[in-house]
PDB file of all heavy atoms in Angstrom:
ATOM      1  N   LEU A   1      -2.538   8.498   6.508  1.00  0.00           N
ATOM      2  CA  LEU A   1      -2.098   7.145   6.168  1.00  0.00           C
ATOM      3  C   LEU A   1      -0.637   7.220   5.732  1.00  0.00           C
ATOM      4  O   LEU A   1      -0.311   7.888   4.759  1.00  0.00           O
ATOM      5  CB  LEU A   1      -2.945   6.580   5.030  1.00  0.00           C
ATOM      6  CG  LEU A   1      -2.545   5.213   4.510  1.00  0.00           C
ATOM      7  CD1 LEU A   1      -2.853   4.134   5.536  1.00  0.00           C
ATOM      8  CD2 LEU A   1      -3.253   4.919   3.206  1.00  0.00           C
ATOM      9  N   VAL A   2       0.215   6.530   6.462  1.00  0.00           N
ATOM     10  CA  VAL A   2       1.628   6.490   6.104  1.00  0.00           C
ATOM     11  C   VAL A   2       1.871   5.358   5.121  1.00  0.00           C
ATOM     12  O   VAL A   2       2.540   5.538   4.104  1.00  0.00           O
ATOM     13  CB  VAL A   2       2.511   6.335   7.361  1.00  0.00           C
ATOM     14  CG1 VAL A   2       3.975   6.150   6.986  1.00  0.00           C
ATOM     15  CG2 VAL A   2       2.335   7.538   8.286  1.00  0.00           C
ATOM     16  N   ALA A   3       1.295   4.182   5.417  1.00  0.00           N
ATOM     17  CA  ALA A   3       1.470   3.017   4.538  1.00  0.00           C
ATOM     18  C   ALA A   3       0.373   2.001   4.854  1.00  0.00           C
ATOM     19  O   ALA A   3      -0.183   1.989   5.941  1.00  0.00           O
ATOM     20  CB  ALA A   3       2.836   2.387   4.741  1.00  0.00           C
ATOM     21  N   PHE A   4       0.101   1.147   3.869  1.00  0.00           N
ATOM     22  CA  PHE A   4      -0.804   0.024   4.073  1.00  0.00           C
ATOM     23  C   PHE A   4      -0.082  -1.237   3.634  1.00  0.00           C
ATOM     24  O   PHE A   4       0.522  -1.284   2.562  1.00  0.00           O
ATOM     25  CB  PHE A   4      -2.101   0.177   3.268  1.00  0.00           C
ATOM     26  CG  PHE A   4      -3.018  -1.011   3.406  1.00  0.00           C
ATOM     27  CD1 PHE A   4      -3.761  -1.188   4.563  1.00  0.00           C
ATOM     28  CD2 PHE A   4      -3.106  -1.959   2.402  1.00  0.00           C
ATOM     29  CE1 PHE A   4      -4.579  -2.302   4.719  1.00  0.00           C
ATOM     30  CE2 PHE A   4      -3.924  -3.071   2.541  1.00  0.00           C
ATOM     31  CZ  PHE A   4      -4.661  -3.241   3.703  1.00  0.00           C
ATOM     32  N   TYR A   5      -0.157  -2.274   4.479  1.00  0.00           N
ATOM     33  CA  TYR A   5       0.484  -3.550   4.197  1.00  0.00           C
ATOM     34  C   TYR A   5      -0.594  -4.627   4.155  1.00  0.00           C
ATOM     35  O   TYR A   5      -1.120  -5.016   5.196  1.00  0.00           O
ATOM     36  CB  TYR A   5       1.526  -3.877   5.273  1.00  0.00           C
ATOM     37  CG  TYR A   5       2.598  -2.816   5.363  1.00  0.00           C
ATOM     38  CD1 TYR A   5       2.509  -1.783   6.293  1.00  0.00           C
ATOM     39  CD2 TYR A   5       3.677  -2.823   4.483  1.00  0.00           C
ATOM     40  CE1 TYR A   5       3.475  -0.790   6.354  1.00  0.00           C
ATOM     41  CE2 TYR A   5       4.654  -1.830   4.538  1.00  0.00           C
ATOM     42  CZ  TYR A   5       4.542  -0.818   5.485  1.00  0.00           C
ATOM     43  OH  TYR A   5       5.500   0.159   5.534  1.00  0.00           O
ATOM     44  N   PRO A   6      -0.951  -5.089   2.965  1.00  0.00           N
ATOM     45  CA  PRO A   6      -2.009  -6.102   2.870  1.00  0.00           C
ATOM     46  C   PRO A   6      -1.551  -7.457   3.409  1.00  0.00           C
ATOM     47  O   PRO A   6      -0.359  -7.791   3.349  1.00  0.00           O
ATOM     48  CB  PRO A   6      -2.297  -6.187   1.374  1.00  0.00           C
ATOM     49  CG  PRO A   6      -1.066  -5.700   0.708  1.00  0.00           C
ATOM     50  CD  PRO A   6      -0.426  -4.718   1.652  1.00  0.00           C
ATOM     51  N   ASN A   7      -2.505  -8.190   3.931  1.00  0.00           N
ATOM     52  CA  ASN A   7      -2.243  -9.570   4.333  1.00  0.00           C
ATOM     53  C   ASN A   7      -2.044 -10.417   3.078  1.00  0.00           C
ATOM     54  O   ASN A   7      -2.427 -10.007   1.976  1.00  0.00           O
ATOM     55  CB  ASN A   7      -3.416 -10.112   5.151  1.00  0.00           C
ATOM     56  CG  ASN A   7      -3.404  -9.556   6.557  1.00  0.00           C
ATOM     57  OD1 ASN A   7      -2.377  -9.180   7.087  1.00  0.00           O
ATOM     58  ND2 ASN A   7      -4.576  -9.507   7.165  1.00  0.00           N
ATOM     59  N   PRO A   8      -1.486 -11.618   3.222  1.00  0.00           N
ATOM     60  CA  PRO A   8      -1.298 -12.499   2.061  1.00  0.00           C
ATOM     61  C   PRO A   8      -2.631 -12.806   1.373  1.00  0.00           C
ATOM     62  O   PRO A   8      -3.687 -12.822   2.010  1.00  0.00           O
ATOM     63  CB  PRO A   8      -0.700 -13.776   2.668  1.00  0.00           C
ATOM     64  CG  PRO A   8      -0.134 -13.359   3.984  1.00  0.00           C
ATOM     65  CD  PRO A   8      -0.972 -12.211   4.453  1.00  0.00           C
ATOM     66  N   SER A   9      -2.572 -13.056   0.082  1.00  0.00           N
ATOM     67  CA  SER A   9      -3.788 -13.303  -0.693  1.00  0.00           C
ATOM     68  C   SER A   9      -4.576 -14.501  -0.176  1.00  0.00           C
ATOM     69  O   SER A   9      -5.790 -14.553  -0.330  1.00  0.00           O
ATOM     70  CB  SER A   9      -3.457 -13.478  -2.174  1.00  0.00           C
ATOM     71  OG  SER A   9      -2.592 -14.570  -2.352  1.00  0.00           O
ATOM     72  N   ALA A  10      -3.921 -15.444   0.473  1.00  0.00           N
ATOM     73  CA  ALA A  10      -4.603 -16.638   0.991  1.00  0.00           C
ATOM     74  C   ALA A  10      -5.651 -16.311   2.056  1.00  0.00           C
ATOM     75  O   ALA A  10      -6.575 -17.090   2.263  1.00  0.00           O
ATOM     76  CB  ALA A  10      -3.588 -17.623   1.563  1.00  0.00           C
ATOM     77  N   VAL A  11      -5.514 -15.168   2.714  1.00  0.00           N
ATOM     78  CA  VAL A  11      -6.508 -14.801   3.743  1.00  0.00           C
ATOM     79  C   VAL A  11      -7.382 -13.622   3.329  1.00  0.00           C
ATOM     80  O   VAL A  11      -8.254 -13.203   4.085  1.00  0.00           O
ATOM     81  CB  VAL A  11      -5.856 -14.518   5.124  1.00  0.00           C
ATOM     82  CG1 VAL A  11      -5.215 -15.770   5.679  1.00  0.00           C
ATOM     83  CG2 VAL A  11      -4.875 -13.376   5.048  1.00  0.00           C
ATOM     84  N   GLN A  12      -7.170 -13.084   2.134  1.00  0.00           N
ATOM     85  CA  GLN A  12      -8.032 -12.006   1.648  1.00  0.00           C
ATOM     86  C   GLN A  12      -9.418 -12.564   1.358  1.00  0.00           C
ATOM     87  O   GLN A  12      -9.583 -13.746   1.089  1.00  0.00           O
ATOM     88  CB  GLN A  12      -7.443 -11.361   0.392  1.00  0.00           C
ATOM     89  CG  GLN A  12      -6.142 -10.626   0.618  1.00  0.00           C
ATOM     90  CD  GLN A  12      -6.270  -9.388   1.491  1.00  0.00           C
ATOM     91  OE1 GLN A  12      -7.315  -8.755   1.592  1.00  0.00           O
ATOM     92  NE2 GLN A  12      -5.181  -9.036   2.153  1.00  0.00           N
ATOM     93  N   ASN A  13     -10.415 -11.694   1.414  1.00  0.00           N
ATOM     94  CA  ASN A  13     -11.810 -12.073   1.157  1.00  0.00           C
ATOM     95  C   ASN A  13     -12.238 -13.195   2.099  1.00  0.00           C
ATOM     96  O   ASN A  13     -12.949 -14.128   1.718  1.00  0.00           O
ATOM     97  CB  ASN A  13     -12.000 -12.467  -0.310  1.00  0.00           C
ATOM     98  CG  ASN A  13     -13.420 -12.272  -0.759  1.00  0.00           C
ATOM     99  OD1 ASN A  13     -14.166 -11.475  -0.206  1.00  0.00           O
ATOM    100  ND2 ASN A  13     -13.806 -13.015  -1.774  1.00  0.00           N
ATOM    101  N   TYR A  14     -11.819 -13.079   3.338  1.00  0.00           N
ATOM    102  CA  TYR A  14     -11.963 -14.128   4.350  1.00  0.00           C
ATOM    103  C   TYR A  14     -13.408 -14.602   4.502  1.00  0.00           C
ATOM    104  O   TYR A  14     -13.691 -15.792   4.391  1.00  0.00           O
ATOM    105  CB  TYR A  14     -11.421 -13.624   5.692  1.00  0.00           C
ATOM    106  CG  TYR A  14     -11.403 -14.680   6.759  1.00  0.00           C
ATOM    107  CD1 TYR A  14     -10.378 -15.609   6.811  1.00  0.00           C
ATOM    108  CD2 TYR A  14     -12.408 -14.755   7.709  1.00  0.00           C
ATOM    109  CE1 TYR A  14     -10.348 -16.592   7.782  1.00  0.00           C
ATOM    110  CE2 TYR A  14     -12.395 -15.737   8.685  1.00  0.00           C
ATOM    111  CZ  TYR A  14     -11.356 -16.654   8.719  1.00  0.00           C
ATOM    112  OH  TYR A  14     -11.337 -17.627   9.686  1.00  0.00           O
ATOM    113  N   PHE A  15     -14.327 -13.691   4.760  1.00  0.00           N
ATOM    114  CA  PHE A  15     -15.716 -14.086   4.983  1.00  0.00           C
ATOM    115  C   PHE A  15     -16.359 -14.663   3.732  1.00  0.00           C
ATOM    116  O   PHE A  15     -16.991 -15.717   3.779  1.00  0.00           O
ATOM    117  CB  PHE A  15     -16.556 -12.900   5.476  1.00  0.00           C
ATOM    118  CG  PHE A  15     -18.016 -13.244   5.613  1.00  0.00           C
ATOM    119  CD1 PHE A  15     -18.490 -13.855   6.756  1.00  0.00           C
ATOM    120  CD2 PHE A  15     -18.914 -12.968   4.597  1.00  0.00           C
ATOM    121  CE1 PHE A  15     -19.825 -14.205   6.885  1.00  0.00           C
ATOM    122  CE2 PHE A  15     -20.261 -13.302   4.709  1.00  0.00           C
ATOM    123  CZ  PHE A  15     -20.715 -13.929   5.863  1.00  0.00           C
ATOM    124  N   TRP A  16     -16.239 -13.988   2.620  1.00  0.00           N
ATOM    125  CA  TRP A  16     -16.964 -14.385   1.413  1.00  0.00           C
ATOM    126  C   TRP A  16     -16.431 -15.679   0.808  1.00  0.00           C
ATOM    127  O   TRP A  16     -17.107 -16.325   0.027  1.00  0.00           O
ATOM    128  CB  TRP A  16     -16.988 -13.240   0.405  1.00  0.00           C
ATOM    129  CG  TRP A  16     -17.764 -12.088   0.970  1.00  0.00           C
ATOM    130  CD1 TRP A  16     -17.257 -10.935   1.485  1.00  0.00           C
ATOM    131  CD2 TRP A  16     -19.188 -12.016   1.150  1.00  0.00           C
ATOM    132  NE1 TRP A  16     -18.279 -10.132   1.965  1.00  0.00           N
ATOM    133  CE2 TRP A  16     -19.476 -10.770   1.766  1.00  0.00           C
ATOM    134  CE3 TRP A  16     -20.240 -12.863   0.844  1.00  0.00           C
ATOM    135  CZ2 TRP A  16     -20.765 -10.372   2.081  1.00  0.00           C
ATOM    136  CZ3 TRP A  16     -21.535 -12.455   1.153  1.00  0.00           C
ATOM    137  CH2 TRP A  16     -21.783 -11.224   1.764  1.00  0.00           C
ATOM    138  N   ARG A  17     -15.225 -16.094   1.178  1.00  0.00           N
ATOM    139  CA  ARG A  17     -14.686 -17.379   0.717  1.00  0.00           C
ATOM    140  C   ARG A  17     -15.129 -18.534   1.606  1.00  0.00           C
ATOM    141  O   ARG A  17     -15.201 -19.672   1.160  1.00  0.00           O
ATOM    142  CB  ARG A  17     -13.155 -17.362   0.696  1.00  0.00           C
ATOM    143  CG  ARG A  17     -12.534 -16.675  -0.474  1.00  0.00           C
ATOM    144  CD  ARG A  17     -11.010 -16.833  -0.543  1.00  0.00           C
ATOM    145  NE  ARG A  17     -10.300 -16.410   0.665  1.00  0.00           N
ATOM    146  CZ  ARG A  17      -9.811 -17.231   1.583  1.00  0.00           C
ATOM    147  NH1 ARG A  17      -9.937 -18.525   1.466  1.00  0.00           N
ATOM    148  NH2 ARG A  17      -9.180 -16.768   2.646  1.00  0.00           N
ATOM    149  N   GLN A  18     -15.402 -18.243   2.895  1.00  0.00           N
ATOM    150  CA  GLN A  18     -15.686 -19.320   3.852  1.00  0.00           C
ATOM    151  C   GLN A  18     -16.656 -18.858   4.940  1.00  0.00           C
ATOM    152  O   GLN A  18     -16.324 -18.863   6.118  1.00  0.00           O
ATOM    153  CB  GLN A  18     -14.386 -19.807   4.467  1.00  0.00           C
ATOM    154  CG  GLN A  18     -13.561 -18.661   5.043  1.00  0.00           C
ATOM    155  CD  GLN A  18     -12.116 -19.033   5.240  1.00  0.00           C
ATOM    156  OE1 GLN A  18     -11.682 -20.137   4.920  1.00  0.00           O
ATOM    157  NE2 GLN A  18     -11.359 -18.132   5.808  1.00  0.00           N
ATOM    158  N   PRO A  19     -17.864 -18.477   4.562  1.00  0.00           N
ATOM    159  CA  PRO A  19     -18.807 -17.916   5.532  1.00  0.00           C
ATOM    160  C   PRO A  19     -19.248 -18.890   6.620  1.00  0.00           C
ATOM    161  O   PRO A  19     -19.797 -18.460   7.640  1.00  0.00           O
ATOM    162  CB  PRO A  19     -19.993 -17.492   4.665  1.00  0.00           C
ATOM    163  CG  PRO A  19     -19.896 -18.333   3.443  1.00  0.00           C
ATOM    164  CD  PRO A  19     -18.436 -18.561   3.225  1.00  0.00           C
ATOM    165  N   ASP A  20     -18.979 -20.180   6.430  1.00  0.00           N
ATOM    166  CA  ASP A  20     -19.387 -21.165   7.429  1.00  0.00           C
ATOM    167  C   ASP A  20     -18.393 -21.308   8.584  1.00  0.00           C
ATOM    168  O   ASP A  20     -18.666 -22.018   9.548  1.00  0.00           O
ATOM    169  CB  ASP A  20     -19.610 -22.519   6.756  1.00  0.00           C
ATOM    170  CG  ASP A  20     -18.389 -22.997   5.992  1.00  0.00           C
ATOM    171  OD1 ASP A  20     -17.583 -22.155   5.537  1.00  0.00           O
ATOM    172  OD2 ASP A  20     -18.232 -24.229   5.828  1.00  0.00           O
ATOM    173  N   LYS A  21     -17.258 -20.640   8.520  1.00  0.00           N
ATOM    174  CA  LYS A  21     -16.292 -20.681   9.623  1.00  0.00           C
ATOM    175  C   LYS A  21     -16.947 -20.116  10.890  1.00  0.00           C
ATOM    176  O   LYS A  21     -17.739 -19.170  10.811  1.00  0.00           O
ATOM    177  CB  LYS A  21     -15.040 -19.853   9.297  1.00  0.00           C
ATOM    178  CG  LYS A  21     -14.195 -20.420   8.193  1.00  0.00           C
ATOM    179  CD  LYS A  21     -13.295 -21.490   8.735  1.00  0.00           C
ATOM    180  CE  LYS A  21     -12.285 -21.894   7.677  1.00  0.00           C
ATOM    181  NZ  LYS A  21     -11.448 -22.955   8.112  1.00  0.00           N
ATOM    182  N   PRO A  22     -16.634 -20.657  12.060  1.00  0.00           N
ATOM    183  CA  PRO A  22     -17.268 -20.183  13.299  1.00  0.00           C
ATOM    184  C   PRO A  22     -17.119 -18.675  13.530  1.00  0.00           C
ATOM    185  O   PRO A  22     -18.083 -18.013  13.930  1.00  0.00           O
ATOM    186  CB  PRO A  22     -16.562 -20.990  14.392  1.00  0.00           C
ATOM    187  CG  PRO A  22     -16.128 -22.244  13.703  1.00  0.00           C
ATOM    188  CD  PRO A  22     -15.779 -21.824  12.290  1.00  0.00           C
ATOM    189  N   PHE A  23     -15.937 -18.108  13.276  1.00  0.00           N
ATOM    190  CA  PHE A  23     -15.752 -16.671  13.475  1.00  0.00           C
ATOM    191  C   PHE A  23     -16.651 -15.878  12.536  1.00  0.00           C
ATOM    192  O   PHE A  23     -17.247 -14.871  12.928  1.00  0.00           O
ATOM    193  CB  PHE A  23     -14.282 -16.266  13.265  1.00  0.00           C
ATOM    194  CG  PHE A  23     -14.033 -14.809  13.530  1.00  0.00           C
ATOM    195  CD1 PHE A  23     -13.812 -14.351  14.818  1.00  0.00           C
ATOM    196  CD2 PHE A  23     -14.037 -13.892  12.491  1.00  0.00           C
ATOM    197  CE1 PHE A  23     -13.591 -13.004  15.066  1.00  0.00           C
ATOM    198  CE2 PHE A  23     -13.822 -12.538  12.728  1.00  0.00           C
ATOM    199  CZ  PHE A  23     -13.596 -12.103  14.024  1.00  0.00           C
ATOM    200  N   CYS A  24     -16.749 -16.332  11.310  1.00  0.00           N
ATOM    201  CA  CYS A  24     -17.600 -15.642  10.326  1.00  0.00           C
ATOM    202  C   CYS A  24     -19.054 -15.662  10.778  1.00  0.00           C
ATOM    203  O   CYS A  24     -19.747 -14.643  10.716  1.00  0.00           O
ATOM    204  CB  CYS A  24     -17.464 -16.299   8.952  1.00  0.00           C
ATOM    205  SG  CYS A  24     -15.823 -16.130   8.222  1.00  0.00           S
ATOM    206  N   ASP A  25     -19.511 -16.825  11.227  1.00  0.00           N
ATOM    207  CA  ASP A  25     -20.895 -16.982  11.647  1.00  0.00           C
ATOM    208  C   ASP A  25     -21.210 -16.183  12.910  1.00  0.00           C
ATOM    209  O   ASP A  25     -22.256 -15.547  13.002  1.00  0.00           O
ATOM    210  CB  ASP A  25     -21.192 -18.462  11.869  1.00  0.00           C
ATOM    211  CG  ASP A  25     -22.660 -18.719  12.114  1.00  0.00           C
ATOM    212  OD1 ASP A  25     -23.486 -18.298  11.281  1.00  0.00           O
ATOM    213  OD2 ASP A  25     -22.984 -19.332  13.156  1.00  0.00           O
ATOM    214  N   SER A  26     -20.296 -16.173  13.864  1.00  0.00           N
ATOM    215  CA  SER A  26     -20.590 -15.526  15.153  1.00  0.00           C
ATOM    216  C   SER A  26     -20.261 -14.033  15.206  1.00  0.00           C
ATOM    217  O   SER A  26     -20.912 -13.290  15.935  1.00  0.00           O
ATOM    218  CB  SER A  26     -19.854 -16.238  16.286  1.00  0.00           C
ATOM    219  OG  SER A  26     -18.451 -16.072  16.156  1.00  0.00           O
ATOM    220  N   LYS A  27     -19.290 -13.584  14.439  1.00  0.00           N
ATOM    221  CA  LYS A  27     -18.851 -12.177  14.526  1.00  0.00           C
ATOM    222  C   LYS A  27     -19.193 -11.343  13.291  1.00  0.00           C
ATOM    223  O   LYS A  27     -19.638 -10.213  13.410  1.00  0.00           O
ATOM    224  CB  LYS A  27     -17.335 -12.105  14.767  1.00  0.00           C
ATOM    225  CG  LYS A  27     -16.870 -12.787  16.011  1.00  0.00           C
ATOM    226  CD  LYS A  27     -17.386 -12.113  17.258  1.00  0.00           C
ATOM    227  CE  LYS A  27     -16.805 -12.804  18.486  1.00  0.00           C
ATOM    228  NZ  LYS A  27     -17.482 -12.437  19.702  1.00  0.00           N
ATOM    229  N   ILE A  28     -18.934 -11.889  12.117  1.00  0.00           N
ATOM    230  CA  ILE A  28     -19.098 -11.090  10.901  1.00  0.00           C
ATOM    231  C   ILE A  28     -20.536 -11.089  10.404  1.00  0.00           C
ATOM    232  O   ILE A  28     -21.081 -10.039  10.066  1.00  0.00           O
ATOM    233  CB  ILE A  28     -18.131 -11.574   9.799  1.00  0.00           C
ATOM    234  CG1 ILE A  28     -16.676 -11.468  10.276  1.00  0.00           C
ATOM    235  CG2 ILE A  28     -18.333 -10.764   8.526  1.00  0.00           C
ATOM    236  CD1 ILE A  28     -15.655 -12.079   9.340  1.00  0.00           C
ATOM    237  N   LEU A  29     -21.169 -12.257  10.370  1.00  0.00           N
ATOM    238  CA  LEU A  29     -22.535 -12.347   9.860  1.00  0.00           C
ATOM    239  C   LEU A  29     -23.500 -11.412  10.588  1.00  0.00           C
ATOM    240  O   LEU A  29     -24.296 -10.731   9.932  1.00  0.00           O
ATOM    241  CB  LEU A  29     -23.027 -13.794   9.893  1.00  0.00           C
ATOM    242  CG  LEU A  29     -24.392 -14.055   9.263  1.00  0.00           C
ATOM    243  CD1 LEU A  29     -24.423 -13.619   7.798  1.00  0.00           C
ATOM    244  CD2 LEU A  29     -24.750 -15.530   9.390  1.00  0.00           C
ATOM    245  N   PRO A  30     -23.461 -11.313  11.919  1.00  0.00           N
ATOM    246  CA  PRO A  30     -24.361 -10.355  12.589  1.00  0.00           C
ATOM    247  C   PRO A  30     -24.135  -8.909  12.141  1.00  0.00           C
ATOM    248  O   PRO A  30     -25.093  -8.139  12.012  1.00  0.00           O
ATOM    249  CB  PRO A  30     -24.045 -10.524  14.076  1.00  0.00           C
ATOM    250  CG  PRO A  30     -23.501 -11.908  14.187  1.00  0.00           C
ATOM    251  CD  PRO A  30     -22.751 -12.145  12.895  1.00  0.00           C
ATOM    252  N   LYS A  31     -22.894  -8.545  11.862  1.00  0.00           N
ATOM    253  CA  LYS A  31     -22.616  -7.189  11.368  1.00  0.00           C
ATOM    254  C   LYS A  31     -23.217  -6.981   9.983  1.00  0.00           C
ATOM    255  O   LYS A  31     -23.763  -5.921   9.682  1.00  0.00           O
ATOM    256  CB  LYS A  31     -21.109  -6.915  11.340  1.00  0.00           C
ATOM    257  CG  LYS A  31     -20.507  -6.779  12.721  1.00  0.00           C
ATOM    258  CD  LYS A  31     -19.038  -6.455  12.664  1.00  0.00           C
ATOM    259  CE  LYS A  31     -18.491  -6.428  14.081  1.00  0.00           C
ATOM    260  NZ  LYS A  31     -17.394  -5.540  14.259  1.00  0.00           N
ATOM    261  N   LEU A  32     -23.117  -7.997   9.138  1.00  0.00           N
ATOM    262  CA  LEU A  32     -23.685  -7.889   7.793  1.00  0.00           C
ATOM    263  C   LEU A  32     -25.203  -7.816   7.832  1.00  0.00           C
ATOM    264  O   LEU A  32     -25.817  -7.057   7.082  1.00  0.00           O
ATOM    265  CB  LEU A  32     -23.220  -9.054   6.926  1.00  0.00           C
ATOM    266  CG  LEU A  32     -21.745  -9.056   6.564  1.00  0.00           C
ATOM    267  CD1 LEU A  32     -21.371 -10.340   5.844  1.00  0.00           C
ATOM    268  CD2 LEU A  32     -21.377  -7.842   5.727  1.00  0.00           C
ATOM    269  N   LYS A  33     -25.822  -8.594   8.721  1.00  0.00           N
ATOM    270  CA  LYS A  33     -27.277  -8.537   8.862  1.00  0.00           C
ATOM    271  C   LYS A  33     -27.721  -7.158   9.342  1.00  0.00           C
ATOM    272  O   LYS A  33     -28.678  -6.587   8.810  1.00  0.00           O
ATOM    273  CB  LYS A  33     -27.762  -9.620   9.816  1.00  0.00           C
ATOM    274  CG  LYS A  33     -27.698 -11.010   9.228  1.00  0.00           C
ATOM    275  CD  LYS A  33     -28.145 -12.055  10.235  1.00  0.00           C
ATOM    276  CE  LYS A  33     -28.098 -13.454   9.663  1.00  0.00           C
ATOM    277  NZ  LYS A  33     -28.473 -14.470  10.675  1.00  0.00           N
ATOM    278  N   ALA A  34     -27.020  -6.613  10.331  1.00  0.00           N
ATOM    279  CA  ALA A  34     -27.348  -5.265  10.826  1.00  0.00           C
ATOM    280  C   ALA A  34     -27.133  -4.227   9.732  1.00  0.00           C
ATOM    281  O   ALA A  34     -27.932  -3.294   9.587  1.00  0.00           O
ATOM    282  CB  ALA A  34     -26.497  -4.942  12.056  1.00  0.00           C
ATOM    283  N   LEU A  35     -26.096  -4.391   8.954  1.00  0.00           N
ATOM    284  CA  LEU A  35     -25.815  -3.481   7.850  1.00  0.00           C
ATOM    285  C   LEU A  35     -26.956  -3.495   6.837  1.00  0.00           C
ATOM    286  O   LEU A  35     -27.407  -2.446   6.380  1.00  0.00           O
ATOM    287  CB  LEU A  35     -24.503  -3.897   7.177  1.00  0.00           C
ATOM    288  CG  LEU A  35     -24.003  -3.062   6.027  1.00  0.00           C
ATOM    289  CD1 LEU A  35     -23.512  -1.714   6.525  1.00  0.00           C
ATOM    290  CD2 LEU A  35     -22.868  -3.795   5.318  1.00  0.00           C
ATOM    291  N   ALA A  36     -27.449  -4.686   6.516  1.00  0.00           N
ATOM    292  CA  ALA A  36     -28.536  -4.813   5.543  1.00  0.00           C
ATOM    293  C   ALA A  36     -29.821  -4.167   6.040  1.00  0.00           C
ATOM    294  O   ALA A  36     -30.589  -3.611   5.256  1.00  0.00           O
ATOM    295  CB  ALA A  36     -28.771  -6.281   5.216  1.00  0.00           C
ATOM    296  N   VAL A  37     -30.053  -4.206   7.338  1.00  0.00           N
ATOM    297  CA  VAL A  37     -31.254  -3.591   7.912  1.00  0.00           C
ATOM    298  C   VAL A  37     -31.104  -2.069   7.961  1.00  0.00           C
ATOM    299  O   VAL A  37     -32.022  -1.329   7.617  1.00  0.00           O
ATOM    300  CB  VAL A  37     -31.523  -4.158   9.329  1.00  0.00           C
ATOM    301  CG1 VAL A  37     -32.589  -3.353  10.052  1.00  0.00           C
ATOM    302  CG2 VAL A  37     -31.920  -5.618   9.237  1.00  0.00           C
ATOM    303  N   THR A  38     -29.935  -1.606   8.368  1.00  0.00           N
ATOM    304  CA  THR A  38     -29.701  -0.170   8.546  1.00  0.00           C
ATOM    305  C   THR A  38     -29.472   0.568   7.235  1.00  0.00           C
ATOM    306  O   THR A  38     -29.907   1.703   7.073  1.00  0.00           O
ATOM    307  CB  THR A  38     -28.489   0.054   9.479  1.00  0.00           C
ATOM    308  OG1 THR A  38     -28.680  -0.705  10.678  1.00  0.00           O
ATOM    309  CG2 THR A  38     -28.342   1.520   9.842  1.00  0.00           C
TER     310      THR A  38
END
């Protein structure tokens, strides 16, 4: 790791702040469900 540049705070915690967003529902939620099972 040479460096890490965080995104602005307004977009941090993207899923947990707005889980009803279409991207969250279609892409992230299935990963979380699989994670909970595995």
